[in-house]
């Protein structure tokens, strides 16, 4: 912090010119004194070196109170204020020393004042009544002692300097406190923004989890999360419905044990390869139902990692294609039968029967499949955005861009409607396909008779 230099400027306000000269002799350096010191040194030796250096002050004078107030004001405006003033009480015909002191403090409140009086015009109580108690006011009785005047000048000019220095330090401290307060306020604002962002992210993640739950619990496809050993970490309700096992039964072992022995080796190798290389895989395999029969599935396998050291898990989205596979086999068998019917001349009758029985069912299946495909297409951007968001949240790498993408995908997708209607459409397709399969089987049986 900066330090205030000494200020030896003193104003003497007295209507007696002789008093001005007395103050000059006590407080100001003079050539006569210097000559005397030289003479003493010549006669008595090096006396100056044995005495302390004399303190001198810069004195100005005023003969009336208003003149003194004006000089105080001018000095303050010029940036060279007086540290103190010696003020006589009686200065006719102008204002007295008490009123002069009050006006000085109006224009320069820090000025130290010594009231000089030889009369009892004012008692101390009367002075206090007009000026108030102040540590800037001292009373000096005339005739005054030179040493007392010098002591007052030294003490009060230093006191003025200390007051200015304390003010400067206080201002500097206030600026430091203000700057620190501003920094803390900015830090608090940033912290509040972070808290708000965290709350918004938390709400967004909660909504994402709810939507995932809604989608997975209503999806006809099997959604399974397994580790590298095939042990399930998550099973959608459709798994229980499709395979007949209770969730507790499936969680106790490895899902790899349910894969058909003919498919198991290739399927497990493909899944472990996907886990090692972090690549997606599309594969087909058969899983055993609790009742003992086999269901065929087409699966899309993706890898999700939760950290740098974590090996990751596999997300399997599997679609039951048992009926589709059966229908394809029936179609092949029907094609063979049609070929035979054509050879025997019964082709037209068979084609009419097929068109009559299967036309409406095929039309309904086609409409439902189109709706399901369109719904799936609409869900894909949201699923990708939500998956990226959850993965980033798990890895503590959330960013405003990911949140913005997820919000945009959310606004563009009617999740609740699609999550309810798409499974209904697929269930109706399955029922129609089963009916078509039965009809084809009946036609094929009749065609062979």
Protein backbone atom coordinates (compact mmCIF):
# COMPACT_ATOMS: atom_id res chain seq x y z
CA UNK A 1 0.00 0.00 0.00
CA UNK A 2 1.11 3.60 -0.72
CA UNK A 3 2.34 5.89 2.06
CA UNK A 4 1.42 9.56 2.45
CA UNK A 5 4.51 11.87 2.51
CA UNK A 6 5.06 14.46 5.24
CA UNK A 7 3.08 17.69 4.99
CA UNK A 8 4.78 20.64 6.75
CA UNK A 9 2.41 23.31 5.39
CA UNK A 10 0.97 25.46 8.21
CA UNK A 11 -1.30 28.49 8.01
CA UNK A 12 -1.07 31.17 10.75
CA UNK A 13 -4.28 33.25 11.04
CA UNK A 14 -3.77 36.24 13.32
CA UNK A 15 -4.42 39.97 12.94
CA UNK A 16 -1.12 40.82 14.69
CA UNK A 17 1.86 40.87 12.30
CA UNK A 18 4.25 40.50 15.23
CA UNK A 19 2.66 37.13 16.01
CA UNK A 20 3.39 36.08 12.42
CA UNK A 21 7.06 36.86 13.00
CA UNK A 22 7.08 34.94 16.28
CA UNK A 23 5.74 31.80 14.54
CA UNK A 24 8.28 32.25 11.75
CA UNK A 25 11.17 32.33 14.23
CA UNK A 26 9.97 29.15 15.95
CA UNK A 27 8.86 27.06 12.96
CA UNK A 28 10.66 28.33 9.86
CA UNK A 29 14.37 28.13 8.95
CA UNK A 30 16.13 31.54 8.76
CA UNK A 31 19.44 32.82 7.52
CA UNK A 32 20.24 34.47 10.88
CA UNK A 33 20.00 31.18 12.68
CA UNK A 34 22.30 29.60 10.14
CA UNK A 35 24.88 32.37 10.67
CA UNK A 36 24.68 31.94 14.42
CA UNK A 37 25.25 28.22 14.11
CA UNK A 38 28.31 28.87 11.93
CA UNK A 39 29.73 31.32 14.49
CA UNK A 40 29.15 28.83 17.31
CA UNK A 41 30.90 26.14 15.31
CA UNK A 42 33.91 28.43 14.72
CA UNK A 43 34.22 29.33 18.42
CA UNK A 44 33.30 26.09 20.15
CA UNK A 45 34.01 23.43 17.58
CA UNK A 46 31.64 20.99 15.85
CA UNK A 47 28.51 21.87 17.88
CA UNK A 48 26.09 21.31 14.94
CA UNK A 49 27.01 17.64 14.71
CA UNK A 50 26.12 17.14 18.39
CA UNK A 51 22.65 18.71 18.04
CA UNK A 52 19.58 17.20 16.33
CA UNK A 53 18.64 18.51 12.92
CA UNK A 54 16.15 21.35 13.17
CA UNK A 55 12.65 20.72 11.83
CA UNK A 56 11.33 23.48 9.61
CA UNK A 57 7.81 24.12 8.36
CA UNK A 58 6.36 25.89 5.35
CA UNK A 59 4.37 28.79 6.77
CA UNK A 60 1.71 31.01 5.19
CA UNK A 61 -0.12 33.85 6.92
CA UNK A 62 -3.56 35.47 6.99
CA UNK A 63 -4.66 38.51 8.98
CA UNK A 64 -8.40 37.80 9.06
CA UNK A 65 -10.56 34.71 9.45
CA UNK A 66 -12.25 34.82 6.03
CA UNK A 67 -8.87 35.38 4.36
CA UNK A 68 -7.57 32.29 6.13
CA UNK A 69 -10.61 30.21 5.06
CA UNK A 70 -10.08 31.31 1.46
CA UNK A 71 -6.41 30.28 1.56
CA UNK A 72 -7.36 26.91 3.05
CA UNK A 73 -9.88 26.36 0.25
CA UNK A 74 -7.45 27.43 -2.51
CA UNK A 75 -4.69 25.17 -1.20
CA UNK A 76 -7.04 22.21 -1.04
CA UNK A 77 -8.24 22.85 -4.61
CA UNK A 78 -4.62 23.08 -5.82
CA UNK A 79 -3.76 19.72 -4.25
CA UNK A 80 -1.39 21.24 -1.68
CA UNK A 81 -3.53 21.33 1.49
CA UNK A 82 -2.44 22.75 4.83
CA UNK A 83 -1.91 20.14 7.48
CA UNK A 84 -2.78 22.54 10.33
CA UNK A 85 -3.60 26.12 11.23
CA UNK A 86 -2.81 28.32 14.24
CA UNK A 87 -5.92 30.48 14.68
CA UNK A 88 -6.21 33.51 16.98
CA UNK A 89 -9.51 33.91 18.81
CA UNK A 90 -9.93 37.67 18.49
CA UNK A 91 -9.39 39.21 15.02
CA UNK A 92 -11.51 42.37 14.80
CA UNK A 93 -13.23 43.61 12.75
CA UNK A 94 -13.74 40.19 11.08
CA UNK A 95 -15.08 36.86 12.31
CA UNK A 96 -13.48 35.38 15.40
CA UNK A 97 -11.29 32.30 15.61
CA UNK A 98 -14.14 29.94 16.64
CA UNK A 99 -16.28 30.80 13.61
CA UNK A 100 -13.14 30.71 11.44
CA UNK A 101 -12.39 27.16 12.64
CA UNK A 102 -15.94 26.02 11.87
CA UNK A 103 -15.69 27.40 8.31
CA UNK A 104 -12.25 25.80 7.83
CA UNK A 105 -13.70 22.40 8.72
CA UNK A 106 -16.54 23.00 6.27
CA UNK A 107 -14.06 23.25 3.35
CA UNK A 108 -11.22 21.07 4.70
CA UNK A 109 -12.50 18.67 7.41
CA UNK A 110 -9.11 17.07 8.11
CA UNK A 111 -7.27 20.30 9.00
CA UNK A 112 -5.76 20.22 12.48
CA UNK A 113 -6.46 23.48 14.37
CA UNK A 114 -4.72 25.15 17.34
CA UNK A 115 -6.79 27.95 18.93
CA UNK A 116 -4.49 30.67 20.31
CA UNK A 117 -6.00 32.94 22.98
CA UNK A 118 -4.91 35.22 25.81
CA UNK A 119 -8.42 36.26 26.74
CA UNK A 120 -11.41 34.63 28.28
CA UNK A 121 -13.78 35.50 25.42
CA UNK A 122 -14.75 31.85 25.20
CA UNK A 123 -14.65 29.21 27.85
CA UNK A 124 -13.76 25.63 26.85
CA UNK A 125 -17.39 24.61 27.25
CA UNK A 126 -18.48 27.41 24.93
CA UNK A 127 -15.93 26.33 22.31
CA UNK A 128 -17.13 22.75 22.54
CA UNK A 129 -20.71 23.98 22.29
CA UNK A 130 -19.95 25.68 18.97
CA UNK A 131 -17.39 23.29 17.48
CA UNK A 132 -18.18 20.03 19.28
CA UNK A 133 -15.66 17.62 20.75
CA UNK A 134 -12.92 16.98 18.21
CA UNK A 135 -9.49 15.38 18.27
CA UNK A 136 -8.50 17.95 15.62
CA UNK A 137 -8.78 20.86 18.07
CA UNK A 138 -6.14 22.00 20.63
CA UNK A 139 -6.11 25.14 22.83
CA UNK A 140 -2.85 27.18 23.19
CA UNK A 141 -2.67 29.98 25.75
CA UNK A 142 -0.75 33.20 25.09
CA UNK A 143 2.00 34.02 25.71
CA UNK A 144 2.99 30.62 24.36
CA UNK A 145 6.20 28.71 24.87
CA UNK A 146 8.35 28.15 21.75
CA UNK A 147 8.93 24.48 22.55
CA UNK A 148 5.20 23.94 23.04
CA UNK A 149 4.49 25.52 19.64
CA UNK A 150 7.14 23.34 18.01
CA UNK A 151 5.78 20.22 19.68
CA UNK A 152 2.23 21.02 18.56
CA UNK A 153 3.39 21.65 15.00
CA UNK A 154 5.31 18.35 14.85
CA UNK A 155 2.57 16.30 16.48
CA UNK A 156 -0.39 17.70 14.56
CA UNK A 157 1.22 17.69 11.11
CA UNK A 158 2.17 14.05 11.70
CA UNK A 159 -1.36 13.37 12.92
CA UNK A 160 -2.73 14.90 9.69
CA UNK A 161 -0.42 12.63 7.69
CA UNK A 162 -1.50 9.54 9.63
CA UNK A 163 -5.17 10.42 9.11
CA UNK A 164 -4.61 10.74 5.37
CA UNK A 165 -2.67 7.49 5.31
CA UNK A 166 -5.40 5.66 7.21
CA UNK A 167 -7.97 7.02 4.76
CA UNK A 168 -5.85 5.90 1.83
CA UNK A 169 -5.43 2.45 3.33
CA UNK A 170 -9.16 2.27 4.02
CA UNK A 171 -9.94 3.22 0.42
CA UNK A 172 -7.49 0.62 -0.84
CA UNK A 173 -9.03 -1.99 1.46
CA UNK A 174 -12.52 -1.02 0.28
CA UNK A 175 -11.40 -1.38 -3.35
CA UNK A 176 -9.85 -4.75 -2.54
CA UNK A 177 -13.00 -5.84 -0.72
CA UNK A 178 -15.14 -4.57 -3.59
CA UNK A 179 -13.00 -6.41 -6.14
CA UNK A 180 -13.03 -9.57 -4.04
CA UNK A 181 -16.77 -9.25 -3.51
CA UNK A 182 -17.22 -8.87 -7.26
CA UNK A 183 -15.09 -11.98 -7.85
CA UNK A 184 -17.08 -13.90 -5.25
CA UNK A 185 -20.33 -12.70 -6.80
CA UNK A 186 -19.15 -13.85 -10.21
CA UNK A 187 -18.09 -17.17 -8.71
CA UNK A 188 -21.47 -17.51 -7.03
CA UNK A 189 -23.20 -16.71 -10.33
CA UNK A 190 -21.11 -19.33 -12.11
CA UNK A 191 -21.80 -21.80 -9.30
CA UNK A 192 -25.52 -21.07 -9.51
CA UNK A 193 -25.42 -21.58 -13.28
CA UNK A 194 -23.63 -24.89 -12.73
CA UNK A 195 -26.24 -25.92 -10.16
CA UNK A 196 -29.05 -24.94 -12.53
CA UNK A 197 -27.39 -26.84 -15.38
CA UNK A 198 -26.95 -29.84 -13.11
CA UNK A 199 -30.63 -29.71 -12.12
CA UNK A 200 -31.71 -29.42 -15.75
CA UNK A 201 -29.41 -32.29 -16.69
CA UNK A 202 -30.73 -34.36 -13.81
CA UNK A 203 -34.30 -33.71 -14.89
CA UNK A 204 -33.40 -34.50 -18.48
CA UNK A 205 -31.75 -37.77 -17.48
CA UNK A 206 -34.73 -38.68 -15.34
CA UNK A 207 -37.08 -38.10 -18.26
CA UNK A 208 -34.74 -40.09 -20.50
CA UNK A 209 -34.77 -42.99 -18.07
CA UNK A 210 -38.56 -42.85 -17.87
CA UNK A 211 -38.85 -42.88 -21.66
CA UNK A 212 -36.43 -45.77 -21.96
CA UNK A 213 -38.45 -47.65 -19.39
CA UNK A 214 -41.66 -46.84 -21.24
CA UNK A 215 -40.19 -47.98 -24.56
CA UNK A 216 -38.54 -51.12 -23.24
CA UNK A 217 -41.51 -52.21 -21.14
CA UNK A 218 -43.91 -51.83 -24.06
CA UNK A 219 -41.63 -53.03 -26.85
CA UNK A 220 -42.32 -56.38 -28.45
CA UNK A 221 -38.59 -56.86 -29.08
CA UNK A 222 -36.39 -58.40 -26.42
CA UNK A 223 -34.01 -55.83 -24.90
CA UNK A 224 -31.21 -57.43 -22.90
CA UNK A 225 -27.99 -56.07 -21.39
CA UNK A 226 -25.38 -58.75 -20.63
CA UNK A 227 -21.74 -58.77 -19.61
CA UNK A 228 -19.00 -60.70 -21.36
CA UNK A 229 -20.05 -63.95 -19.68
CA UNK A 230 -23.68 -63.65 -20.75
CA UNK A 231 -24.91 -62.82 -17.25
CA UNK A 232 -27.89 -60.43 -17.59
CA UNK A 233 -27.63 -56.90 -16.21
CA UNK A 234 -31.05 -55.87 -17.49
CA UNK A 235 -34.05 -57.71 -18.99
CA UNK A 236 -37.07 -56.06 -20.58
CA UNK A 237 -40.51 -57.48 -19.66
CA UNK A 238 -40.83 -58.88 -23.20
CA UNK A 239 -38.03 -61.38 -22.41
CA UNK A 240 -40.14 -63.01 -19.73
CA UNK A 241 -43.20 -62.99 -22.01
CA UNK A 242 -41.36 -64.46 -25.02
CA UNK A 243 -39.30 -67.15 -23.26
CA UNK A 244 -41.57 -68.07 -20.34
CA UNK A 245 -38.86 -67.83 -17.65
CA UNK A 246 -39.23 -65.72 -14.51
CA UNK A 247 -36.79 -62.81 -14.32
CA UNK A 248 -35.16 -64.35 -11.21
CA UNK A 249 -34.44 -67.56 -13.15
CA UNK A 250 -32.76 -65.68 -15.98
CA UNK A 251 -30.65 -63.55 -13.61
CA UNK A 252 -29.21 -66.60 -11.90
CA UNK A 253 -27.28 -67.89 -14.91
CA UNK A 254 -25.86 -67.02 -18.31
CA UNK A 255 -28.20 -66.34 -21.20
CA UNK A 256 -25.65 -68.01 -23.46
CA UNK A 257 -26.83 -71.36 -22.04
CA UNK A 258 -30.25 -70.80 -23.63
CA UNK A 259 -28.81 -70.59 -27.15
CA UNK A 260 -29.35 -73.63 -29.36
CA UNK A 261 -26.28 -75.89 -29.31
CA UNK A 262 -25.94 -75.55 -33.08
CA UNK A 263 -25.92 -71.73 -32.83
CA UNK A 264 -24.13 -71.26 -29.51
CA UNK A 265 -20.46 -71.31 -30.56
CA UNK A 266 -20.80 -68.91 -33.51
CA UNK A 267 -23.13 -66.60 -31.56
CA UNK A 268 -20.90 -66.35 -28.46
CA UNK A 269 -17.80 -65.81 -30.61
CA UNK A 270 -19.54 -63.02 -32.53
CA UNK A 271 -20.69 -61.31 -29.30
CA UNK A 272 -17.28 -61.51 -27.64
CA UNK A 273 -15.67 -60.16 -30.80
CA UNK A 274 -18.10 -57.23 -30.75
CA UNK A 275 -17.20 -56.59 -27.11
CA UNK A 276 -13.44 -56.66 -27.77
CA UNK A 277 -13.56 -54.49 -30.90
CA UNK A 278 -16.47 -52.24 -29.84
CA UNK A 279 -18.29 -53.00 -33.09
CA UNK A 280 -21.97 -53.69 -33.73
CA UNK A 281 -23.11 -57.12 -34.87
CA UNK A 282 -26.27 -58.40 -36.56
CA UNK A 283 -26.89 -62.12 -36.07
CA UNK A 284 -29.54 -64.83 -35.83
CA UNK A 285 -29.83 -67.53 -33.19
CA UNK A 286 -32.38 -69.77 -31.49
CA UNK A 287 -33.29 -69.55 -27.80
CA UNK A 288 -35.00 -72.28 -25.82
CA UNK A 289 -38.43 -71.53 -24.35
CA UNK A 290 -39.08 -72.75 -20.81
CA UNK A 291 -41.55 -75.26 -22.26
CA UNK A 292 -38.73 -76.78 -24.28
CA UNK A 293 -39.40 -75.56 -27.82
CA UNK A 294 -37.10 -73.18 -29.72
CA UNK A 295 -37.78 -69.59 -30.80
CA UNK A 296 -35.70 -67.97 -33.53
CA UNK A 297 -34.45 -64.36 -33.09
CA UNK A 298 -32.75 -61.75 -35.21
CA UNK A 299 -30.55 -59.61 -32.94
CA UNK A 300 -28.65 -56.32 -33.15
CA UNK A 301 -25.75 -56.23 -30.65
CA UNK A 302 -24.11 -52.95 -29.50
CA UNK A 303 -21.39 -52.26 -26.95
CA UNK A 304 -21.84 -49.76 -24.09
CA UNK A 305 -18.84 -48.84 -21.92
CA UNK A 306 -19.12 -47.07 -18.56
CA UNK A 307 -15.48 -45.95 -18.24
CA UNK A 308 -11.95 -46.29 -19.53
CA UNK A 309 -11.20 -49.39 -17.46
CA UNK A 310 -14.60 -51.03 -17.73
CA UNK A 311 -14.82 -53.78 -20.32
CA UNK A 312 -18.34 -52.75 -21.19
CA UNK A 313 -21.64 -54.57 -21.65
CA UNK A 314 -23.57 -55.82 -24.66
CA UNK A 315 -26.99 -54.43 -25.50
CA UNK A 316 -28.99 -57.00 -27.48
CA UNK A 317 -32.19 -55.93 -29.20
CA UNK A 318 -33.72 -59.19 -30.46
CA UNK A 319 -36.80 -59.65 -32.64
CA UNK A 320 -38.69 -62.92 -32.61
CA UNK A 321 -38.71 -64.14 -36.23
CA UNK A 322 -40.02 -67.63 -35.50
CA UNK A 323 -43.29 -67.00 -37.30
CA UNK A 324 -41.56 -65.23 -40.16
CA UNK A 325 -39.17 -68.14 -40.56
CA UNK A 326 -42.08 -70.57 -40.43
CA UNK A 327 -43.97 -68.50 -43.01
CA UNK A 328 -40.98 -68.48 -45.32
CA UNK A 329 -40.76 -72.25 -45.08
CA UNK A 330 -44.50 -72.54 -45.74
CA UNK A 331 -44.16 -70.21 -48.71
CA UNK A 332 -41.44 -72.39 -50.09
CA UNK A 333 -43.57 -75.46 -49.58
CA UNK A 334 -46.53 -73.67 -51.16
CA UNK A 335 -44.44 -72.73 -54.16
CA UNK A 336 -43.64 -76.38 -54.63
CA UNK A 337 -47.32 -77.26 -54.33
CA UNK A 338 -48.26 -74.53 -56.80
CA UNK A 339 -45.80 -75.93 -59.22
CA UNK A 340 -47.39 -79.35 -58.83
CA UNK A 341 -50.89 -77.89 -59.10
CA UNK A 342 -49.92 -76.14 -62.31
CA UNK A 343 -48.69 -79.34 -63.69
CA UNK A 344 -52.00 -81.04 -62.85
CA UNK A 345 -54.21 -78.20 -64.22
CA UNK A 346 -55.61 -77.05 -60.85
CA UNK A 347 -53.53 -73.83 -60.69
CA UNK A 348 -56.37 -71.37 -61.40
CA UNK A 349 -58.60 -72.83 -58.69
CA UNK A 350 -55.75 -72.79 -56.18
CA UNK A 351 -54.76 -69.19 -57.03
CA UNK A 352 -58.35 -68.00 -56.57
CA UNK A 353 -58.55 -69.64 -53.19
CA UNK A 354 -55.27 -68.11 -52.11
CA UNK A 355 -56.29 -64.62 -53.23
CA UNK A 356 -59.67 -64.84 -51.51
CA UNK A 357 -58.30 -66.09 -48.22
CA UNK A 358 -54.99 -64.27 -47.98
CA UNK A 359 -55.62 -60.94 -49.71
CA UNK A 360 -57.23 -59.04 -46.79
CA UNK A 361 -54.83 -60.52 -44.26
CA UNK A 362 -51.78 -59.60 -46.34
CA UNK A 363 -53.13 -56.08 -46.83
CA UNK A 364 -53.58 -55.67 -43.07
CA UNK A 365 -50.09 -57.05 -42.39
CA UNK A 366 -48.59 -54.67 -44.95
CA UNK A 367 -50.32 -51.65 -43.36
CA UNK A 368 -49.24 -52.58 -39.85
CA UNK A 369 -45.67 -53.26 -40.96
CA UNK A 370 -45.49 -49.88 -42.67
CA UNK A 371 -46.79 -48.20 -39.52
CA UNK A 372 -44.29 -50.07 -37.33
CA UNK A 373 -41.42 -49.24 -39.69
CA UNK A 374 -42.41 -45.57 -39.74
CA UNK A 375 -42.70 -45.51 -35.92
CA UNK A 376 -39.32 -47.20 -35.58
CA UNK A 377 -37.78 -44.71 -37.97
CA UNK A 378 -39.18 -41.82 -35.92
CA UNK A 379 -37.83 -43.32 -32.70
CA UNK A 380 -34.29 -43.86 -34.00
CA UNK A 381 -33.03 -40.21 -33.63
CA UNK A 382 -34.40 -40.04 -30.06
CA UNK A 383 -32.93 -43.42 -29.12
CA UNK A 384 -29.52 -42.43 -30.49
CA UNK A 385 -29.62 -39.07 -28.72
CA UNK A 386 -30.76 -40.61 -25.43
CA UNK A 387 -28.14 -43.36 -25.65
CA UNK A 388 -25.40 -40.78 -26.26
CA UNK A 389 -26.73 -38.67 -23.38
CA UNK A 390 -26.81 -41.56 -20.91
CA UNK A 391 -23.40 -42.79 -21.99
CA UNK A 392 -21.91 -39.30 -21.57
CA UNK A 393 -23.59 -38.91 -18.16
CA UNK A 394 -22.16 -42.24 -17.00
CA UNK A 395 -18.69 -41.20 -18.18
CA UNK A 396 -19.15 -37.69 -16.69
CA UNK A 397 -18.70 -36.10 -20.11
CA UNK A 398 -21.99 -34.25 -20.52
CA UNK A 399 -21.96 -31.24 -22.84
CA UNK A 400 -24.52 -28.58 -23.84
CA UNK A 401 -24.46 -29.93 -27.40
CA UNK A 402 -25.62 -33.38 -26.27
CA UNK A 403 -28.40 -31.84 -24.17
CA UNK A 404 -29.52 -29.69 -27.10
CA UNK A 405 -29.58 -32.70 -29.45
CA UNK A 406 -31.60 -34.74 -26.94
CA UNK A 407 -34.08 -31.88 -26.43
CA UNK A 408 -34.52 -31.44 -30.18
CA UNK A 409 -35.11 -35.17 -30.70
CA UNK A 410 -37.55 -35.21 -27.79
CA UNK A 411 -39.63 -32.36 -29.23
CA UNK A 412 -39.75 -34.07 -32.63
CA UNK A 413 -40.97 -37.45 -31.30
CA UNK A 414 -44.27 -38.48 -29.71
CA UNK A 415 -42.71 -41.18 -27.54
CA UNK A 416 -45.77 -42.12 -25.51
CA UNK A 417 -47.92 -42.68 -28.61
CA UNK A 418 -45.33 -44.72 -30.51
CA UNK A 419 -44.37 -46.78 -27.47
CA UNK A 420 -48.03 -47.80 -27.10
CA UNK A 421 -49.15 -48.19 -30.72
CA UNK A 422 -46.13 -49.84 -32.36
CA UNK A 423 -46.27 -52.93 -30.08
CA UNK A 424 -50.02 -53.17 -30.79
CA UNK A 425 -49.37 -53.08 -34.53
CA UNK A 426 -46.71 -55.78 -34.25
CA UNK A 427 -48.98 -57.96 -32.15
CA UNK A 428 -51.72 -57.67 -34.81
CA UNK A 429 -49.14 -58.55 -37.48
CA UNK A 430 -48.14 -61.65 -35.56
CA UNK A 431 -51.77 -62.74 -35.23
CA UNK A 432 -52.38 -62.22 -38.98
CA UNK A 433 -49.17 -64.02 -39.90
CA UNK A 434 -50.21 -66.98 -37.75
CA UNK A 435 -53.58 -66.98 -39.51
CA UNK A 436 -51.86 -66.81 -42.91
CA UNK A 437 -49.63 -69.70 -41.90
CA UNK A 438 -52.65 -71.79 -40.94
CA UNK A 439 -54.40 -70.98 -44.24
CA UNK A 440 -51.33 -71.83 -46.26
CA UNK A 441 -50.98 -75.09 -44.40
CA UNK A 442 -54.63 -75.92 -45.12
CA UNK A 443 -54.29 -74.99 -48.80
CA UNK A 444 -51.15 -77.06 -49.09
CA UNK A 445 -52.90 -80.02 -47.47
CA UNK A 446 -55.86 -79.71 -49.83
CA UNK A 447 -53.60 -79.32 -52.81
CA UNK A 448 -51.94 -82.64 -52.14
CA UNK A 449 -55.23 -84.50 -51.85
